[in-house]
Amino acid sequence: MTPHLRALPGDPASPPLGTSHLPEEGVGVDLAPLGYTEHEYLVDGTAGLHRHRDGVRERVGELPFTTRVLVRVPAPGRFNGVVAAEPLHPDYDSAPAWRVAHGWITATGAAWVGITQDHRSAATLREHYDPDRYREVSLPAAGLGWDIVGSVLADLRTPGRSVLGEPAARVRHVYLSGWSNTGSFCRVFLQDGFHERHRLPDGRPAVDGYLIGISAGAAGASGYPPLSEDSEVLPPDDPRRTIGPAGVPVIELLSEFESETHRAALRPDSDAPEDRYRLYQVAGTSHHDPLTSTVLTNTAQFRRKGHDVSDWRIAEPTSDARPDAVARAVYALLHRWAATGQAPPRAARFTFAAAESDAPAGTAEELLRDEDGNVTGGVRTPWVEAPLASYRPHSTPAPGSCLPSPWAPLADPRAVAGLIGHMTPLPPTRLAGLYPGPGDRTHRFEEACARLTGQGLLLEEDARALLDAARRTRLPTPPDHHAAATTDEKGPRT
């Protein structure tokens, strides 16, 4: 059944969940200076219910649904024909791809579309956030999201059926991306036939490229979620866990955290026309990046509703790594690959500490590290090429923090904190050995940024921001330097 659209009114007193900006809270992205506007729609239709039986996908029924779609579009003259779409995350129905990529989206004039697709999110909207605004939202079963997302994407180019409105006729490229749970959603959508199922009237696929972020394909149900509540979890050696030929470009981007469990799903990069694939593993990063936590408004909105929302504080020093900077460049590479055919660079992979392993697929395995404790291989970010600290992908919770939300699939604060990276500052004596001259560290940092920008793995504007921060950083002085300075200036003590 063709989905039917209804616009939800803009109401400052009752903004959409996940609205772009809450100025009074100091969170979010102000769209007005960027020339963007935000719209929200209800979408009615029917979606198939699917399951795996003995590894085979079967359609077991069809159910009506009403979901909501959040849209951000530039002024008509700025729209570049690109749509960055994402299935919204069940944790507060949030938008992790927007969180990472909004800078690239708004700088280039792309549109953004976020689709509520999880049955838990529908209940959250209707029962816990705004019963009046979302009283009609209904996803009556788990597993309808594959067809819900597919039908919305397939209509993006059709005026009258597209949530984009008038710009629909000018859509040229649609990319689907997700992070963590929604990265795994994208893997299943691609690998289990939904990419083939949802196509345009002329037979082309509705999606022109995929970016699968921070999702380990071999990691059990989290890496390849079941199709529905009564669907089996695919076995660890199922080939669908490894990205296969899709006919469109596919990029996987992993932190150290997911790379620990991804060994069984690894595959070579490819430039073959029907199998365009890249894997980027980003050194010195982890699953959750607290530095971008103020981009999204969802948790602040729930606090305003009186809900108890936990913060994510850890016992260790929080990492200052910026994985979002590399991610924005990867979005640009995906678009260039799909739009022009120019293949992105290949990057070194991480190496496991054990060359071979008989551990079950999806088991976390140690990565090889250098003498400072930083991972070897991967995309060589400036914070590991010119290190001031050792970066690790897991942390421990601060007392009373890292409580999972009621809608997150995490059991306890330790599991939540295990997603967050931390850093341990290198001793001053080690830093003195690494950077004997006053400008040595800045020079090495600049060189690392230049290598990445030259490869296209870091955008110039992000490189400038990283360099500005690096130039403001002062290295600690080794204790023996203080002693030498005291002796030189005042003579030996007696």
Protein backbone atom coordinates (compact mmCIF):
# COMPACT_ATOMS: atom_id res chain seq x y z
CA MET A 1 0.00 0.00 0.00
CA THR A 2 1.35 3.43 -0.92
CA PRO A 3 2.10 5.42 2.25
CA HIS A 4 -0.05 8.44 3.01
CA LEU A 5 1.49 11.64 4.43
CA ARG A 6 0.12 14.12 6.94
CA ALA A 7 2.10 17.11 8.16
CA LEU A 8 2.28 17.67 11.90
CA PRO A 9 1.98 21.35 12.81
CA GLY A 10 4.95 23.28 14.10
CA ASP A 11 4.32 24.23 17.71
CA PRO A 12 7.03 25.88 19.83
CA ALA A 13 5.23 24.66 22.95
CA SER A 14 5.31 21.07 21.70
CA PRO A 15 8.26 20.59 19.34
CA PRO A 16 9.04 17.24 17.72
CA LEU A 17 11.04 14.78 19.77
CA GLY A 18 14.60 15.25 18.60
CA THR A 19 13.96 18.74 17.28
CA SER A 20 17.09 20.35 15.90
CA HIS A 21 17.58 23.07 18.52
CA LEU A 22 16.63 23.92 22.09
CA PRO A 23 18.24 27.33 22.63
CA GLU A 24 17.05 27.60 26.21
CA GLU A 25 18.84 24.32 26.98
CA GLY A 26 21.95 25.17 24.99
CA VAL A 27 21.74 21.97 22.93
CA GLY A 28 21.19 21.11 19.30
CA VAL A 29 21.91 22.81 15.99
CA ASP A 30 20.30 26.14 15.10
CA LEU A 31 19.05 25.61 11.55
CA ALA A 32 17.96 29.16 10.78
CA PRO A 33 21.43 30.67 10.18
CA LEU A 34 22.19 27.66 7.98
CA GLY A 35 19.17 28.28 5.78
CA TYR A 36 17.40 25.07 6.85
CA THR A 37 13.89 24.37 8.08
CA GLU A 38 12.51 21.40 10.00
CA HIS A 39 9.26 19.54 9.26
CA GLU A 40 7.55 16.51 10.72
CA TYR A 41 5.10 14.13 9.09
CA LEU A 42 2.93 11.20 10.01
CA VAL A 43 3.15 8.40 7.46
CA ASP A 44 0.42 5.73 7.20
CA GLY A 45 0.76 2.50 5.30
CA THR A 46 1.21 -1.24 5.60
CA ALA A 47 4.46 -3.10 6.13
CA GLY A 48 5.44 -6.72 5.85
CA LEU A 49 6.35 -8.81 8.88
CA HIS A 50 9.36 -11.03 8.24
CA ARG A 51 11.29 -13.71 10.08
CA HIS A 52 14.12 -16.16 9.61
CA ARG A 53 13.41 -19.86 9.75
CA ASP A 54 16.42 -22.13 9.25
CA GLY A 55 18.27 -19.10 7.93
CA VAL A 56 15.73 -18.33 5.22
CA ARG A 57 13.79 -15.05 5.26
CA GLU A 58 10.07 -15.52 4.98
CA ARG A 59 7.20 -13.04 4.93
CA VAL A 60 4.62 -14.01 7.52
CA GLY A 61 2.09 -11.21 7.30
CA GLU A 62 1.39 -7.53 6.77
CA LEU A 63 0.27 -4.96 9.30
CA PRO A 64 -0.90 -1.33 9.12
CA PHE A 65 1.35 1.29 10.69
CA THR A 66 1.54 4.98 11.42
CA THR A 67 5.00 6.36 11.95
CA ARG A 68 6.58 9.78 12.07
CA VAL A 69 9.33 11.18 9.86
CA LEU A 70 11.48 14.17 10.77
CA VAL A 71 12.88 16.20 7.85
CA ARG A 72 15.45 18.99 7.55
CA VAL A 73 15.73 20.73 4.20
CA PRO A 74 17.73 23.69 2.92
CA ALA A 75 16.25 26.67 1.15
CA PRO A 76 15.20 25.65 -2.39
CA GLY A 77 18.14 27.34 -4.05
CA ARG A 78 20.64 25.49 -1.83
CA PHE A 79 19.40 21.91 -2.20
CA ASN A 80 22.10 19.83 -3.89
CA GLY A 81 19.94 16.79 -4.67
CA VAL A 82 21.44 14.63 -1.90
CA VAL A 83 19.38 13.07 0.90
CA ALA A 84 21.08 11.63 3.96
CA ALA A 85 18.51 9.31 5.54
CA GLU A 86 18.64 7.28 8.73
CA PRO A 87 16.45 4.90 10.71
CA LEU A 88 16.05 6.54 14.10
CA HIS A 89 17.63 4.80 17.09
CA PRO A 90 15.32 3.19 19.67
CA ASP A 91 17.16 4.96 22.50
CA TYR A 92 14.90 8.05 22.78
CA ASP A 93 14.24 7.81 19.01
CA SER A 94 17.50 9.67 18.47
CA ALA A 95 19.47 10.47 15.30
CA PRO A 96 23.11 9.35 15.64
CA ALA A 97 23.87 9.86 11.95
CA TRP A 98 22.69 13.50 12.15
CA ARG A 99 24.77 13.84 15.31
CA VAL A 100 27.89 12.85 13.40
CA ALA A 101 27.24 14.22 9.92
CA HIS A 102 25.15 17.38 10.37
CA GLY A 103 28.15 19.60 9.60
CA TRP A 104 28.71 17.94 6.23
CA ILE A 105 24.97 17.82 5.47
CA THR A 106 24.34 21.52 6.10
CA ALA A 107 27.60 22.71 4.53
CA THR A 108 26.86 20.94 1.25
CA GLY A 109 23.14 21.69 0.97
CA ALA A 110 21.92 18.12 1.45
CA ALA A 111 18.60 17.21 3.05
CA TRP A 112 18.22 14.94 6.07
CA VAL A 113 15.42 12.46 6.80
CA GLY A 114 14.99 10.54 10.06
CA ILE A 115 12.45 7.71 10.19
CA THR A 116 10.90 6.23 13.34
CA GLN A 117 11.05 2.50 12.69
CA ASP A 118 11.27 0.68 16.04
CA HIS A 119 8.08 -0.41 17.85
CA ARG A 120 9.62 0.65 21.18
CA SER A 121 10.11 4.16 19.82
CA ALA A 122 6.46 4.35 18.81
CA ALA A 123 5.43 3.55 22.38
CA THR A 124 7.96 6.06 23.71
CA LEU A 125 6.57 8.85 21.54
CA ARG A 126 2.96 8.04 22.31
CA GLU A 127 3.11 7.13 26.00
CA HIS A 128 6.13 8.89 27.47
CA TYR A 129 6.88 11.99 25.41
CA ASP A 130 3.77 13.68 23.95
CA PRO A 131 0.51 11.70 23.97
CA ASP A 132 -1.33 14.48 22.14
CA ARG A 133 1.14 15.07 19.33
CA TYR A 134 1.89 11.38 18.77
CA ARG A 135 -1.38 9.72 19.74
CA GLU A 136 -1.73 8.16 16.27
CA VAL A 137 1.80 6.76 16.04
CA SER A 138 1.53 2.98 16.03
CA LEU A 139 4.01 0.27 15.08
CA PRO A 140 2.09 -2.77 16.31
CA ALA A 141 4.92 -5.31 16.07
CA ALA A 142 8.68 -5.54 16.10
CA GLY A 143 10.19 -5.94 12.66
CA LEU A 144 8.01 -3.63 10.58
CA GLY A 145 10.87 -1.15 10.27
CA TRP A 146 12.55 -2.75 7.27
CA ASP A 147 9.58 -2.08 4.99
CA ILE A 148 8.67 1.20 6.69
CA VAL A 149 12.11 2.65 5.98
CA GLY A 150 12.18 1.13 2.50
CA SER A 151 8.81 2.59 1.51
CA VAL A 152 9.70 6.09 2.76
CA LEU A 153 13.00 5.98 0.86
CA ALA A 154 11.40 4.68 -2.33
CA ASP A 155 9.01 7.66 -2.34
CA LEU A 156 11.61 10.36 -1.69
CA ARG A 157 11.88 11.20 -5.39
CA THR A 158 8.12 11.29 -6.06
CA PRO A 159 6.34 14.65 -5.60
CA GLY A 160 3.11 14.23 -3.68
CA ARG A 161 4.38 11.12 -1.90
CA SER A 162 7.74 12.39 -0.68
CA VAL A 163 8.31 13.79 2.81
CA LEU A 164 10.61 16.32 1.13
CA GLY A 165 7.77 18.12 -0.59
CA GLU A 166 8.72 20.29 -3.56
CA PRO A 167 12.45 19.31 -3.59
CA ALA A 168 11.49 15.68 -4.34
CA ALA A 169 11.75 16.22 -8.10
CA ARG A 170 15.37 17.29 -7.68
CA VAL A 171 16.60 14.32 -5.60
CA ARG A 172 19.55 12.65 -7.27
CA HIS A 173 21.20 10.58 -4.55
CA VAL A 174 19.83 8.94 -1.40
CA TYR A 175 22.20 7.50 1.19
CA LEU A 176 21.18 5.37 4.14
CA SER A 177 23.38 5.37 7.21
CA GLY A 178 23.14 4.34 10.81
CA TRP A 179 25.30 4.09 13.90
CA SER A 180 25.41 1.31 16.47
CA ASN A 181 21.95 -0.29 16.57
CA THR A 182 20.90 1.54 13.41
CA GLY A 183 24.17 0.68 11.68
CA SER A 184 23.18 -2.94 12.25
CA PHE A 185 19.72 -2.09 10.90
CA CYS A 186 21.39 -0.90 7.69
CA ARG A 187 23.39 -4.12 7.45
CA VAL A 188 20.24 -6.26 7.68
CA PHE A 189 18.35 -3.99 5.27
CA LEU A 190 21.16 -4.38 2.75
CA GLN A 191 22.02 -8.04 3.25
CA ASP A 192 18.59 -9.61 3.71
CA GLY A 193 16.85 -8.47 0.55
CA PHE A 194 15.23 -5.18 1.54
CA HIS A 195 17.64 -3.19 -0.63
CA GLU A 196 16.43 -5.26 -3.59
CA ARG A 197 12.79 -5.14 -2.50
CA HIS A 198 12.46 -1.34 -2.33
CA ARG A 199 13.18 0.12 -5.74
CA LEU A 200 12.18 3.06 -7.90
CA PRO A 201 9.62 2.79 -10.71
CA ASP A 202 12.45 2.51 -13.24
CA GLY A 203 13.97 -0.44 -11.39
CA ARG A 204 16.87 1.37 -9.76
CA PRO A 205 17.42 0.85 -6.04
CA ALA A 206 15.92 3.43 -3.71
CA VAL A 207 19.28 3.72 -1.92
CA ASP A 208 22.40 4.82 -3.79
CA GLY A 209 24.95 4.07 -1.05
CA TYR A 210 25.33 2.94 2.55
CA LEU A 211 27.45 4.02 5.47
CA ILE A 212 27.32 1.42 8.25
CA GLY A 213 28.77 3.00 11.39
CA ILE A 214 30.12 1.41 14.59
CA SER A 215 28.39 -1.95 14.10
CA ALA A 216 30.29 -5.24 14.33
CA GLY A 217 28.80 -7.69 11.87
CA ALA A 218 29.87 -10.75 13.84
CA ALA A 219 28.55 -9.54 17.21
CA GLY A 220 25.52 -11.75 17.73
CA ALA A 221 22.09 -10.13 17.75
CA SER A 222 23.58 -6.65 18.12
CA GLY A 223 25.52 -6.97 14.86
CA TYR A 224 22.71 -8.64 12.92
CA PRO A 225 19.37 -8.06 14.68
CA PRO A 226 16.56 -10.59 14.26
CA LEU A 227 13.95 -9.65 11.69
CA SER A 228 11.11 -9.79 14.25
CA GLU A 229 10.33 -10.99 17.74
CA ASP A 230 9.92 -14.65 16.81
CA SER A 231 12.78 -14.65 14.31
CA GLU A 232 15.96 -16.58 15.03
CA VAL A 233 19.34 -14.90 15.40
CA LEU A 234 21.54 -15.80 12.46
CA PRO A 235 24.47 -18.05 13.41
CA PRO A 236 27.88 -16.42 13.85
CA ASP A 237 29.21 -17.86 10.58
CA ASP A 238 26.26 -16.81 8.43
CA PRO A 239 27.66 -15.11 5.29
CA ARG A 240 25.10 -12.29 5.51
CA ARG A 241 27.02 -10.89 8.46
CA THR A 242 29.79 -9.99 6.01
CA ILE A 243 28.90 -7.29 3.48
CA GLY A 244 28.45 -8.75 0.01
CA PRO A 245 28.07 -7.26 -3.47
CA ALA A 246 25.31 -4.65 -3.39
CA GLY A 247 25.54 -2.85 -6.73
CA VAL A 248 26.01 0.44 -4.84
CA PRO A 249 28.92 1.69 -2.70
CA VAL A 250 29.02 0.45 0.89
CA ILE A 251 31.38 1.79 3.54
CA GLU A 252 31.73 0.38 7.03
CA LEU A 253 33.31 2.62 9.66
CA LEU A 254 34.36 1.01 12.94
CA SER A 255 35.98 2.20 16.13
CA GLU A 256 38.31 0.03 18.18
CA PHE A 257 35.31 -1.16 20.20
CA GLU A 258 33.48 -2.86 17.32
CA SER A 259 36.69 -3.99 15.67
CA GLU A 260 37.36 -6.25 18.65
CA THR A 261 34.36 -8.41 17.69
CA HIS A 262 34.38 -7.97 13.90
CA ARG A 263 37.08 -10.50 12.90
CA ALA A 264 34.65 -13.10 11.52
CA ALA A 265 32.92 -10.47 9.33
CA LEU A 266 36.07 -8.98 7.79
CA ARG A 267 36.45 -8.93 4.02
CA PRO A 268 38.77 -7.22 1.51
CA ASP A 269 38.08 -3.81 0.05
CA SER A 270 36.81 -3.84 -3.52
CA ASP A 271 36.40 -1.50 -6.50
CA ALA A 272 34.41 -3.95 -8.64
CA PRO A 273 31.38 -2.17 -10.14
CA GLU A 274 28.89 -4.52 -8.43
CA ASP A 275 30.93 -4.82 -5.24
CA ARG A 276 32.19 -1.39 -4.22
CA TYR A 277 33.27 -1.73 -0.60
CA ARG A 278 35.53 -0.05 1.97
CA LEU A 279 36.25 -0.65 5.63
CA TYR A 280 37.70 2.15 7.75
CA GLN A 281 38.82 1.39 11.30
CA VAL A 282 39.54 4.62 13.14
CA ALA A 283 42.44 4.52 15.59
CA GLY A 284 41.97 5.92 19.08
CA THR A 285 38.16 5.88 19.01
CA SER A 286 35.35 4.04 20.76
CA HIS A 287 31.65 3.37 20.37
CA HIS A 288 30.29 6.45 22.13
CA ASP A 289 31.71 9.95 21.80
CA PRO A 290 30.66 12.24 24.69
CA LEU A 291 32.12 15.29 22.92
CA THR A 292 29.15 15.35 20.53
CA SER A 293 26.50 14.76 23.19
CA THR A 294 25.05 18.29 22.93
CA VAL A 295 24.19 17.93 19.23
CA LEU A 296 21.02 15.95 19.95
CA THR A 297 18.11 17.29 21.97
CA ASN A 298 16.24 14.07 22.82
CA THR A 299 17.50 13.50 26.35
CA ALA A 300 17.10 17.19 27.25
CA GLN A 301 13.49 17.00 26.07
CA PHE A 302 12.86 13.96 28.25
CA ARG A 303 14.34 15.75 31.25
CA ARG A 304 11.97 18.64 30.60
CA LYS A 305 9.12 16.15 30.72
CA GLY A 306 10.22 15.09 34.19
CA HIS A 307 11.86 11.80 33.24
CA ASP A 308 15.00 10.68 35.05
CA VAL A 309 17.68 10.63 32.35
CA SER A 310 21.12 9.38 33.35
CA ASP A 311 24.32 11.07 32.25
CA TRP A 312 27.25 9.12 30.88
CA ARG A 313 30.15 9.99 33.18
CA ILE A 314 33.10 7.65 33.53
CA ALA A 315 35.70 7.18 36.24
CA GLU A 316 38.64 7.71 33.88
CA PRO A 317 39.61 10.86 31.93
CA THR A 318 37.22 11.15 29.01
CA SER A 319 38.78 10.76 25.59
CA ASP A 320 39.35 13.90 23.54
CA ALA A 321 39.32 11.95 20.26
CA ARG A 322 37.04 13.28 17.51
CA PRO A 323 35.80 10.30 15.48
CA ASP A 324 33.06 12.52 14.05
CA ALA A 325 35.71 14.43 12.10
CA VAL A 326 36.77 11.31 10.20
CA ALA A 327 33.13 10.25 9.78
CA ARG A 328 32.18 13.49 8.02
CA ALA A 329 34.96 12.93 5.51
CA VAL A 330 33.71 9.38 4.93
CA TYR A 331 30.24 10.73 4.10
CA ALA A 332 31.88 12.97 1.51
CA LEU A 333 33.82 10.00 0.10
CA LEU A 334 30.67 7.90 -0.14
CA HIS A 335 28.89 10.64 -2.08
CA ARG A 336 31.83 11.13 -4.43
CA TRP A 337 31.99 7.38 -5.09
CA ALA A 338 28.28 7.09 -5.83
CA ALA A 339 27.97 10.32 -7.81
CA THR A 340 31.19 10.32 -9.85
CA GLY A 341 32.60 6.82 -9.58
CA GLN A 342 35.83 8.05 -8.00
CA ALA A 343 36.91 5.37 -5.55
CA PRO A 344 37.94 6.41 -2.04
CA PRO A 345 41.36 5.54 -0.62
CA ARG A 346 42.07 2.24 1.04
CA ALA A 347 43.31 2.31 4.61
CA ALA A 348 45.29 -0.08 6.74
CA ARG A 349 43.33 -2.37 9.04
CA PHE A 350 43.83 -3.00 12.72
CA THR A 351 45.81 -6.09 13.66
CA PHE A 352 44.70 -8.49 16.34
CA ALA A 353 47.19 -9.26 19.09
CA ALA A 354 46.75 -12.96 18.31
CA ALA A 355 47.41 -13.73 14.65
CA GLU A 356 44.88 -16.56 14.71
CA SER A 357 42.05 -17.32 17.07
CA ASP A 358 39.82 -20.29 17.82
CA ALA A 359 37.47 -18.10 19.88
CA PRO A 360 33.80 -18.20 18.86
CA ALA A 361 32.82 -15.65 16.23
CA GLY A 362 31.87 -12.34 17.77
CA THR A 363 34.10 -12.79 20.82
CA ALA A 364 36.00 -9.62 21.75
CA GLU A 365 39.70 -9.97 20.94
CA GLU A 366 42.59 -7.71 21.89
CA LEU A 367 44.00 -5.44 19.21
CA LEU A 368 47.74 -5.02 18.75
CA ARG A 369 49.08 -1.92 20.53
CA ASP A 370 52.31 0.05 20.53
CA GLU A 371 54.59 0.82 23.47
CA ASP A 372 52.33 3.70 24.57
CA GLY A 373 49.24 1.49 24.56
CA ASN A 374 47.74 2.92 21.36
CA VAL A 375 46.35 0.69 18.65
CA THR A 376 48.44 0.01 15.56
CA GLY A 377 47.06 0.22 12.02
CA GLY A 378 43.73 1.65 10.96
CA VAL A 379 43.05 5.25 9.96
CA ARG A 380 45.96 7.02 11.65
CA THR A 381 44.32 9.91 13.43
CA PRO A 382 46.48 12.82 14.65
CA TRP A 383 45.78 12.08 18.31
CA VAL A 384 47.52 8.69 17.98
CA GLU A 385 50.18 9.82 15.50
CA ALA A 386 51.19 12.69 17.78
CA PRO A 387 50.00 11.23 21.10
CA LEU A 388 49.70 12.90 24.45
CA ALA A 389 47.82 9.94 25.89
CA SER A 390 47.03 6.28 25.56
CA TYR A 391 43.52 5.72 24.16
CA ARG A 392 41.37 2.77 25.17
CA PRO A 393 37.84 1.91 23.96
CA HIS A 394 36.33 0.84 27.31
CA SER A 395 35.77 2.65 30.60
CA THR A 396 34.16 2.17 34.00
CA PRO A 397 31.16 4.14 35.26
CA ALA A 398 31.43 7.03 37.68
CA PRO A 399 29.32 6.42 40.80
CA GLY A 400 25.62 6.84 40.02
CA SER A 401 26.22 7.39 36.31
CA CYS A 402 25.85 5.45 33.05
CA LEU A 403 22.41 4.09 33.93
CA PRO A 404 20.81 2.60 30.80
CA SER A 405 17.63 4.18 29.54
CA PRO A 406 14.43 2.11 29.74
CA TRP A 407 14.56 1.63 25.95
CA ALA A 408 18.23 0.68 25.55
CA PRO A 409 19.31 -2.96 25.18
CA LEU A 410 22.02 -2.59 27.86
CA ALA A 411 21.81 -4.30 31.19
CA ASP A 412 23.78 -2.17 33.63
CA PRO A 413 26.10 0.84 34.02
CA ARG A 414 29.19 -1.25 33.37
CA ALA A 415 27.89 -2.16 29.92
CA VAL A 416 27.11 1.49 29.18
CA ALA A 417 30.54 2.70 30.33
CA GLY A 418 32.14 -0.08 28.33
CA LEU A 419 31.01 1.78 25.19
CA ILE A 420 32.90 4.95 26.13
CA GLY A 421 36.56 5.55 25.40
CA HIS A 422 39.01 7.08 27.81
CA MET A 423 42.58 8.32 27.72
CA THR A 424 45.49 7.97 30.11
CA PRO A 425 47.97 10.87 29.80
CA LEU A 426 51.50 9.81 28.91
CA PRO A 427 54.13 10.56 31.58
CA PRO A 428 55.95 13.90 31.15
CA THR A 429 59.25 12.06 30.71
CA ARG A 430 57.81 10.10 27.79
CA LEU A 431 56.44 13.27 26.21
CA ALA A 432 59.84 14.92 26.55
CA GLY A 433 61.34 12.01 24.64
CA LEU A 434 58.69 12.15 21.92
CA TYR A 435 58.80 15.94 21.51
CA PRO A 436 62.21 17.32 22.53
CA GLY A 437 61.70 20.63 20.72
CA PRO A 438 59.06 23.27 21.56
CA GLY A 439 57.16 22.84 18.28
CA ASP A 440 57.73 19.15 17.69
CA ARG A 441 54.34 17.91 18.80
CA THR A 442 52.44 20.53 16.81
CA HIS A 443 54.53 19.70 13.75
CA ARG A 444 53.76 15.98 14.02
CA PHE A 445 50.08 16.73 14.55
CA GLU A 446 50.05 18.97 11.46
CA GLU A 447 51.72 16.25 9.39
CA ALA A 448 49.13 13.69 10.50
CA CYS A 449 46.27 16.04 9.59
CA ALA A 450 47.86 16.77 6.22
CA ARG A 451 48.15 13.06 5.41
CA LEU A 452 44.47 12.51 6.18
CA THR A 453 43.25 15.56 4.26
CA GLY A 454 45.41 14.47 1.32
CA GLN A 455 43.67 11.09 1.36
CA GLY A 456 40.24 12.64 1.78
CA LEU A 457 39.81 11.06 5.21
CA LEU A 458 39.64 14.43 6.94
CA LEU A 459 37.89 17.56 5.67
CA GLU A 460 39.85 20.79 5.65
CA GLU A 461 37.52 22.55 8.08
CA ASP A 462 37.78 19.69 10.57
CA ALA A 463 41.55 19.63 10.20
CA ARG A 464 41.67 23.34 11.05
CA ALA A 465 39.56 22.78 14.17
CA LEU A 466 41.78 19.90 15.32
CA LEU A 467 44.92 21.93 14.68
CA ASP A 468 43.59 24.94 16.56
CA ALA A 469 42.96 22.74 19.59
CA ALA A 470 46.38 21.12 19.30
CA ARG A 471 48.14 24.49 19.16
CA ARG A 472 46.42 25.55 22.37
CA THR A 473 47.61 22.45 24.20
CA ARG A 474 50.61 22.86 26.50
CA LEU A 475 52.77 19.86 27.23
CA PRO A 476 53.54 19.12 30.91
CA THR A 477 57.10 19.76 32.00
CA PRO A 478 59.08 16.74 33.23
CA PRO A 479 60.03 16.86 36.93
CA ASP A 480 63.76 16.76 36.18
CA HIS A 481 63.34 19.85 34.01
CA HIS A 482 62.01 21.73 37.06
CA ALA A 483 64.99 20.53 39.07
CA ALA A 484 67.45 21.58 36.39
CA ALA A 485 65.83 24.99 36.11
CA THR A 486 66.04 25.46 39.90
CA THR A 487 69.73 24.52 39.90
CA ASP A 488 70.57 26.79 36.97
CA GLU A 489 68.74 29.79 38.37
CA LYS A 490 69.54 29.52 42.06
CA GLY A 491 72.55 27.26 42.30
CA PRO A 492 72.68 23.87 44.05
CA ARG A 493 70.78 23.46 47.30
CA THR A 494 72.63 22.43 50.47
